[in-house]
């Protein structure tokens, strides 16, 4: 008994030392990451300022060129006016003496007429700069989302389901959004797709009745080879055809493809997830903060992917079946057998 107690003390002391070492390692790693972050953003700011200076210099150079041309034209116009005034004075003087002078066509066009219709238009320049700003912000938004996802995976202690239970939300599938090939059961909390040697055209999806509000967490058990676990705005319900109607192939939905390996889809952009996926997936949404996270759930909760965005419409959980995420047909005749092939998703209880 005494030996067992001492052994437990030694094990806990060892755990304490390992935890202290992990904390120190994390602090050192975080400090290194912060310093690298400051270095990269400083270089980025300097690069932007350099590009700003280059564009400013380009505008000023063009300004000097055009001003120089305009000033040359002004001098030419002033000289032509002076010459015309001089000729007019001579003609006026000679008209009093009734002398006939050689006629000169003073109405002839001069080079000064090149100035007619001359305009200064910076609308194109302003549009180009505005487009540059928008492209830069879109790029930053996408990359920051990736950075957030990477940073969120840094953990000393594994998350547990108890951490999320306080945010658990109960959802039910909406039969009105399900096609005839989808079978809903267990009080509309489970969806099964079965097809006998068939090819089915997409979209093959269903929404939940309830929308996401505040902070929500739910878990889904999936089975089969073509399940997508998603969140989406309702606007694509029943309207999108082919790939456009699939969750993740537009800018109004976000989708986790579960098979053959976890892949995240948004705007038809594929992000492979280098982590194993269990048969139970947790989804956490903080609507106000604009965060969406997918987790692999077992004894611990492991982050698969996190998105940082801004939600602008009511958000609904959704599910769909697809092939590999790259085609517009679902061919379930992979084995050559005559047996039905099943895929299913089930909303789990807390």
Protein backbone atom coordinates (compact mmCIF):
# COMPACT_ATOMS: atom_id res chain seq x y z
CA UNK A 1 0.00 0.00 0.00
CA UNK A 2 2.79 2.41 0.93
CA UNK A 3 4.67 1.51 -2.24
CA UNK A 4 1.58 2.19 -4.32
CA UNK A 5 1.12 5.59 -2.68
CA UNK A 6 4.76 6.49 -3.28
CA UNK A 7 4.48 5.34 -6.87
CA UNK A 8 1.44 7.58 -7.40
CA UNK A 9 3.30 10.51 -5.84
CA UNK A 10 6.26 9.92 -8.15
CA UNK A 11 3.96 9.72 -11.19
CA UNK A 12 2.21 12.95 -10.26
CA UNK A 13 5.55 14.67 -9.61
CA UNK A 14 6.71 13.51 -13.02
CA UNK A 15 3.50 14.87 -14.55
CA UNK A 16 4.10 18.19 -12.78
CA UNK A 17 7.63 18.42 -14.19
CA UNK A 18 6.39 17.54 -17.69
CA UNK A 19 3.62 20.12 -17.44
CA UNK A 20 6.04 22.82 -16.24
CA UNK A 21 8.37 21.97 -19.09
CA UNK A 22 5.47 22.14 -21.55
CA UNK A 23 4.44 25.55 -20.19
CA UNK A 24 8.00 26.87 -20.51
CA UNK A 25 8.27 25.46 -24.02
CA UNK A 26 4.95 27.06 -24.97
CA UNK A 27 6.00 30.45 -23.54
CA UNK A 28 9.31 30.32 -25.41
CA UNK A 29 7.57 29.22 -28.62
CA UNK A 30 4.91 31.93 -28.24
CA UNK A 31 7.55 34.63 -27.71
CA UNK A 32 9.45 33.43 -30.78
CA UNK A 33 6.21 33.46 -32.79
CA UNK A 34 5.36 36.99 -31.57
CA UNK A 35 8.82 38.26 -32.55
CA UNK A 36 8.51 36.59 -35.95
CA UNK A 37 5.03 38.09 -36.31
CA UNK A 38 6.37 41.59 -35.55
CA UNK A 39 9.25 41.07 -37.98
CA UNK A 40 6.98 39.87 -40.80
CA UNK A 41 4.40 42.63 -40.31
CA UNK A 42 7.17 45.26 -40.09
CA UNK A 43 8.56 43.99 -43.39
CA UNK A 44 5.05 43.95 -44.84
CA UNK A 45 4.41 47.54 -43.73
CA UNK A 46 7.76 48.62 -45.22
CA UNK A 47 6.92 46.81 -48.44
CA UNK A 48 3.52 48.53 -48.61
CA UNK A 49 5.13 51.91 -47.92
CA UNK A 50 7.67 51.21 -50.67
CA UNK A 51 4.87 50.40 -53.12
CA UNK A 52 3.02 53.52 -51.95
CA UNK A 53 6.13 55.61 -52.66
CA UNK A 54 6.51 54.00 -56.09
CA UNK A 55 2.92 54.80 -57.04
CA UNK A 56 3.25 58.33 -55.66
CA UNK A 57 6.46 58.81 -57.66
CA UNK A 58 4.75 57.47 -60.76
CA UNK A 59 1.89 59.96 -60.35
CA UNK A 60 4.31 62.84 -59.74
CA UNK A 61 6.45 61.90 -62.76
CA UNK A 62 3.36 61.81 -64.95
CA UNK A 63 2.25 65.11 -63.43
CA UNK A 64 5.57 66.77 -64.30
CA UNK A 65 5.47 65.39 -67.84
CA UNK A 66 1.94 66.60 -68.50
CA UNK A 67 2.47 69.96 -66.77
CA UNK A 68 5.59 70.50 -68.90
CA UNK A 69 3.62 69.70 -72.04
CA UNK A 70 0.78 71.99 -70.94
CA UNK A 71 3.18 74.85 -70.12
CA UNK A 72 4.80 74.44 -73.56
CA UNK A 73 1.37 74.61 -75.16
CA UNK A 74 0.54 77.69 -73.07
CA UNK A 75 3.68 79.45 -74.30
CA UNK A 76 2.80 78.50 -77.87
CA UNK A 77 -0.76 79.81 -77.46
CA UNK A 78 0.45 83.06 -75.90
CA UNK A 79 2.94 83.55 -78.76
CA UNK A 80 0.22 82.89 -81.36
CA UNK A 81 -2.10 85.37 -79.63
CA UNK A 82 0.65 88.02 -79.58
CA UNK A 83 1.34 87.39 -83.28
CA UNK A 84 -2.37 87.64 -84.14
CA UNK A 85 -2.69 90.86 -82.12
CA UNK A 86 0.32 92.30 -83.94
CA UNK A 87 -1.16 91.41 -87.34
CA UNK A 88 -4.53 92.82 -86.35
CA UNK A 89 -2.88 96.09 -85.36
CA UNK A 90 -1.01 96.26 -88.68
CA UNK A 91 -4.18 95.55 -90.64
CA UNK A 92 -6.03 98.26 -88.72
CA UNK A 93 -3.29 100.77 -89.40
CA UNK A 94 -3.09 100.00 -93.11
CA UNK A 95 -6.86 100.04 -93.52
CA UNK A 96 -6.85 103.79 -92.83
CA UNK A 97 -4.41 104.43 -95.69
CA UNK A 98 -6.46 102.19 -98.00
CA UNK A 99 -3.35 100.23 -98.92
CA UNK A 100 -3.83 96.72 -100.19
CA UNK A 101 -1.77 94.17 -98.35
CA UNK A 102 -1.18 90.54 -99.22
CA UNK A 103 -3.97 88.56 -97.62
CA UNK A 104 -3.01 85.98 -95.06
CA UNK A 105 -5.51 83.37 -93.90
CA UNK A 106 -5.67 84.00 -90.18
CA UNK A 107 -8.43 81.49 -89.71
CA UNK A 108 -6.13 78.58 -90.48
CA UNK A 109 -5.85 75.98 -87.76
CA UNK A 110 -2.81 76.09 -85.57
CA UNK A 111 -1.22 73.47 -83.38
CA UNK A 112 -2.94 75.09 -80.44
CA UNK A 113 -6.16 73.36 -81.52
CA UNK A 114 -4.67 70.16 -80.10
CA UNK A 115 -5.81 71.47 -76.73
CA UNK A 116 -9.51 71.24 -77.59
CA UNK A 117 -11.36 68.63 -75.51
CA UNK A 118 -8.45 68.28 -73.14
CA UNK A 119 -9.51 66.68 -69.81
CA UNK A 120 -7.90 65.47 -66.60
CA UNK A 121 -9.50 62.21 -65.40
CA UNK A 122 -8.33 60.30 -62.31
CA UNK A 123 -11.39 58.03 -62.05
CA UNK A 124 -9.50 55.08 -63.56
CA UNK A 125 -6.63 55.57 -61.14
CA UNK A 126 -8.94 55.78 -58.12
CA UNK A 127 -10.74 52.59 -59.23
CA UNK A 128 -7.43 50.73 -59.62
CA UNK A 129 -6.31 51.80 -56.14
CA UNK A 130 -9.71 50.87 -54.66
CA UNK A 131 -9.53 47.45 -56.34
CA UNK A 132 -6.01 46.98 -54.98
CA UNK A 133 -7.24 47.76 -51.47
CA UNK A 134 -10.14 45.29 -51.80
CA UNK A 135 -7.89 42.51 -53.15
CA UNK A 136 -5.42 43.10 -50.34
CA UNK A 137 -8.15 43.01 -47.68
CA UNK A 138 -9.63 39.80 -49.15
CA UNK A 139 -6.20 38.19 -49.21
CA UNK A 140 -5.49 39.26 -45.63
CA UNK A 141 -8.88 37.97 -44.47
CA UNK A 142 -8.24 34.55 -45.99
CA UNK A 143 -4.69 34.28 -44.66
CA UNK A 144 -5.64 35.53 -41.19
CA UNK A 145 -8.32 32.82 -41.07
CA UNK A 146 -5.63 30.25 -41.84
CA UNK A 147 -3.36 31.71 -39.15
CA UNK A 148 -6.20 31.63 -36.61
CA UNK A 149 -6.82 27.98 -37.44
CA UNK A 150 -3.13 27.13 -36.92
CA UNK A 151 -2.83 29.12 -33.67
CA UNK A 152 -5.99 27.51 -32.26
CA UNK A 153 -4.37 24.07 -32.56
CA UNK A 154 -1.65 25.02 -30.07
CA UNK A 155 -2.71 23.42 -26.80
CA UNK A 156 -0.96 22.23 -23.66
CA UNK A 157 -3.91 20.26 -22.34
CA UNK A 158 -6.46 18.50 -24.58
CA UNK A 159 -9.99 19.90 -24.72
CA UNK A 160 -12.81 17.78 -23.36
CA UNK A 161 -16.49 17.62 -24.29
CA UNK A 162 -17.35 19.23 -20.94
CA UNK A 163 -15.75 22.42 -22.23
CA UNK A 164 -18.46 22.66 -24.92
CA UNK A 165 -21.51 21.26 -23.12
CA UNK A 166 -22.49 24.69 -21.83
CA UNK A 167 -23.01 25.76 -25.47
CA UNK A 168 -24.85 22.64 -26.64
CA UNK A 169 -27.77 23.31 -29.02
CA UNK A 170 -30.38 20.83 -30.17
CA UNK A 171 -31.27 20.75 -33.89
CA UNK A 172 -33.75 18.77 -35.98
CA UNK A 173 -33.68 18.09 -39.71
CA UNK A 174 -36.20 19.90 -41.90
CA UNK A 175 -38.18 17.39 -44.04
CA UNK A 176 -39.20 20.20 -46.39
CA UNK A 177 -35.61 20.60 -47.54
CA UNK A 178 -34.91 16.87 -48.06
CA UNK A 179 -35.18 15.16 -51.45
CA UNK A 180 -37.03 11.86 -51.88
CA UNK A 181 -33.84 9.76 -51.74
CA UNK A 182 -33.09 10.94 -48.20
CA UNK A 183 -34.76 9.05 -45.35
CA UNK A 184 -35.27 10.95 -42.09
CA UNK A 185 -35.80 9.05 -38.86
CA UNK A 186 -35.48 9.24 -35.06
CA UNK A 187 -37.63 12.35 -34.74
CA UNK A 188 -35.89 13.94 -37.72
CA UNK A 189 -32.47 13.71 -36.08
CA UNK A 190 -30.99 11.13 -38.44
CA UNK A 191 -30.64 11.14 -42.22
CA UNK A 192 -29.84 8.12 -44.37
CA UNK A 193 -29.12 7.94 -48.06
CA UNK A 194 -29.41 4.57 -49.81
CA UNK A 195 -29.19 3.84 -53.50
CA UNK A 196 -29.07 0.51 -55.31
CA UNK A 197 -26.42 0.60 -58.04
CA UNK A 198 -27.40 4.11 -58.92
CA UNK A 199 -26.05 7.44 -59.99
CA UNK A 200 -27.71 10.42 -58.41
CA UNK A 201 -27.47 14.00 -59.58
CA UNK A 202 -26.66 16.65 -56.99
CA UNK A 203 -27.60 18.56 -54.90
CA UNK A 204 -28.40 15.92 -52.31
CA UNK A 205 -28.66 17.91 -49.09
CA UNK A 206 -30.86 18.85 -46.15
CA UNK A 207 -31.04 21.77 -43.70
CA UNK A 208 -31.93 21.86 -40.04
CA UNK A 209 -35.10 23.69 -39.01
CA UNK A 210 -33.40 25.79 -36.34
CA UNK A 211 -30.85 28.49 -37.02
CA UNK A 212 -27.63 29.05 -35.10
CA UNK A 213 -27.77 31.76 -32.45
CA UNK A 214 -25.08 33.18 -30.16
CA UNK A 215 -22.62 30.44 -29.29
CA UNK A 216 -23.74 26.98 -30.41
CA UNK A 217 -22.14 23.55 -30.26
CA UNK A 218 -23.49 20.31 -31.72
CA UNK A 219 -22.14 16.87 -32.54
CA UNK A 220 -22.78 14.61 -35.50
CA UNK A 221 -22.11 10.91 -36.00
CA UNK A 222 -21.43 10.09 -39.63
CA UNK A 223 -21.17 6.83 -41.55
CA UNK A 224 -20.45 5.98 -45.17
CA UNK A 225 -18.19 7.40 -47.81
CA UNK A 226 -19.66 10.68 -48.93
CA UNK A 227 -20.84 12.80 -46.01
CA UNK A 228 -20.47 16.59 -45.73
CA UNK A 229 -21.14 18.35 -42.40
CA UNK A 230 -21.90 22.00 -43.08
CA UNK A 231 -23.32 25.34 -42.05
CA UNK A 232 -25.00 27.59 -44.58
CA UNK A 233 -27.27 30.52 -45.28
CA UNK A 234 -30.73 29.31 -46.30
CA UNK A 235 -30.66 31.20 -49.62
CA UNK A 236 -29.14 28.29 -51.56
CA UNK A 237 -31.82 25.84 -50.35
CA UNK A 238 -33.32 23.93 -53.27
CA UNK A 239 -32.09 26.48 -55.80
CA UNK A 240 -28.45 25.70 -56.50
CA UNK A 241 -27.94 23.08 -59.19
CA UNK A 242 -24.91 20.85 -59.71
CA UNK A 243 -21.74 21.82 -57.92
CA UNK A 244 -22.93 25.36 -57.22
CA UNK A 245 -25.73 23.98 -55.07
CA UNK A 246 -23.39 21.83 -52.98
CA UNK A 247 -22.34 23.04 -49.56
CA UNK A 248 -18.88 24.59 -49.71
CA UNK A 249 -18.97 25.40 -53.42
CA UNK A 250 -20.20 28.98 -52.94
CA UNK A 251 -19.63 31.94 -50.62
CA UNK A 252 -22.75 31.25 -48.52
CA UNK A 253 -21.76 27.91 -47.02
CA UNK A 254 -18.88 26.20 -45.21
CA UNK A 255 -18.46 22.44 -45.35
CA UNK A 256 -16.35 19.62 -43.88
CA UNK A 257 -16.00 16.65 -46.23
CA UNK A 258 -15.46 13.56 -44.08
CA UNK A 259 -14.31 10.94 -46.61
CA UNK A 260 -11.85 9.67 -47.84
CA UNK A 261 -9.96 12.20 -45.71
CA UNK A 262 -11.07 15.40 -43.99
CA UNK A 263 -11.24 18.36 -46.34
CA UNK A 264 -12.72 21.82 -45.72
CA UNK A 265 -14.58 23.59 -48.55
CA UNK A 266 -15.61 27.22 -49.00
CA UNK A 267 -16.06 29.14 -52.28
CA UNK A 268 -15.00 25.90 -54.02
CA UNK A 269 -11.59 26.29 -52.38
CA UNK A 270 -10.25 23.04 -50.97
CA UNK A 271 -8.28 22.99 -47.72
CA UNK A 272 -6.87 19.60 -46.78
CA UNK A 273 -6.81 18.83 -43.05
CA UNK A 274 -3.71 16.92 -41.88
CA UNK A 275 -5.45 15.29 -38.92
CA UNK A 276 -7.36 12.02 -38.56
CA UNK A 277 -11.15 12.25 -38.31
CA UNK A 278 -13.25 10.16 -35.94
CA UNK A 279 -16.82 9.03 -36.67
CA UNK A 280 -18.10 11.84 -34.43
CA UNK A 281 -17.61 15.49 -35.41
CA UNK A 282 -18.23 18.52 -33.20
CA UNK A 283 -19.16 21.92 -34.64
CA UNK A 284 -18.86 25.17 -32.67
CA UNK A 285 -20.11 28.53 -33.90
CA UNK A 286 -19.72 31.90 -32.24
CA UNK A 287 -22.04 33.88 -34.50
CA UNK A 288 -21.21 37.35 -33.17
CA UNK A 289 -17.45 36.73 -33.21
CA UNK A 290 -17.69 35.18 -36.68
CA UNK A 291 -15.88 31.95 -35.80
CA UNK A 292 -16.68 28.45 -37.05
CA UNK A 293 -14.75 25.41 -35.77
CA UNK A 294 -14.86 21.71 -36.61
CA UNK A 295 -13.59 19.13 -34.11
CA UNK A 296 -12.86 15.43 -34.15
CA UNK A 297 -14.52 14.02 -31.02
CA UNK A 298 -13.37 10.95 -29.08
CA UNK A 299 -12.04 10.90 -25.51
CA UNK A 300 -10.68 14.35 -26.31
CA UNK A 301 -11.81 17.09 -28.69
CA UNK A 302 -9.26 17.81 -31.42
CA UNK A 303 -9.53 20.91 -33.61
CA UNK A 304 -9.68 20.11 -37.31
CA UNK A 305 -10.26 23.54 -38.85
CA UNK A 306 -11.32 27.02 -37.76
CA UNK A 307 -12.67 29.88 -39.85
CA UNK A 308 -12.76 33.59 -39.03
CA UNK A 309 -15.35 35.51 -41.01
CA UNK A 310 -18.38 37.80 -40.65
CA UNK A 311 -21.81 36.18 -40.75
CA UNK A 312 -24.43 38.43 -42.38
CA UNK A 313 -27.51 36.16 -42.52
CA UNK A 314 -29.12 33.50 -40.31
CA UNK A 315 -26.93 30.40 -40.28
CA UNK A 316 -28.27 26.84 -40.42
CA UNK A 317 -26.60 23.45 -39.89
CA UNK A 318 -26.81 21.31 -43.01
CA UNK A 319 -25.71 17.97 -44.41
CA UNK A 320 -25.18 16.59 -47.87
CA UNK A 321 -23.82 13.58 -49.70
CA UNK A 322 -21.27 13.81 -52.47
CA UNK A 323 -18.70 11.67 -54.24
CA UNK A 324 -15.21 13.01 -53.72
CA UNK A 325 -16.06 16.71 -53.63
CA UNK A 326 -14.81 17.17 -57.18
CA UNK A 327 -17.60 15.70 -59.35
CA UNK A 328 -21.25 16.47 -60.02
CA UNK A 329 -22.43 12.86 -59.77
CA UNK A 330 -22.51 10.37 -56.93
CA UNK A 331 -21.68 6.88 -58.21
CA UNK A 332 -22.34 4.36 -55.47
CA UNK A 333 -21.50 1.33 -57.59
CA UNK A 334 -17.88 1.11 -56.42
CA UNK A 335 -17.70 -2.51 -55.35
CA UNK A 336 -19.57 -4.11 -58.20
CA UNK A 337 -21.87 -5.87 -55.71
CA UNK A 338 -25.64 -5.87 -55.83
CA UNK A 339 -26.11 -4.69 -52.27
CA UNK A 340 -27.44 -1.30 -51.28
CA UNK A 341 -24.91 1.31 -50.15
CA UNK A 342 -25.76 3.39 -47.10
CA UNK A 343 -24.48 6.76 -45.88
CA UNK A 344 -25.94 8.46 -42.85
CA UNK A 345 -25.58 11.33 -40.39
CA UNK A 346 -27.10 11.57 -36.92
CA UNK A 347 -27.45 14.56 -34.63
CA UNK A 348 -26.16 13.46 -31.23
CA UNK A 349 -27.59 14.11 -27.79
CA UNK A 350 -25.42 16.00 -25.28
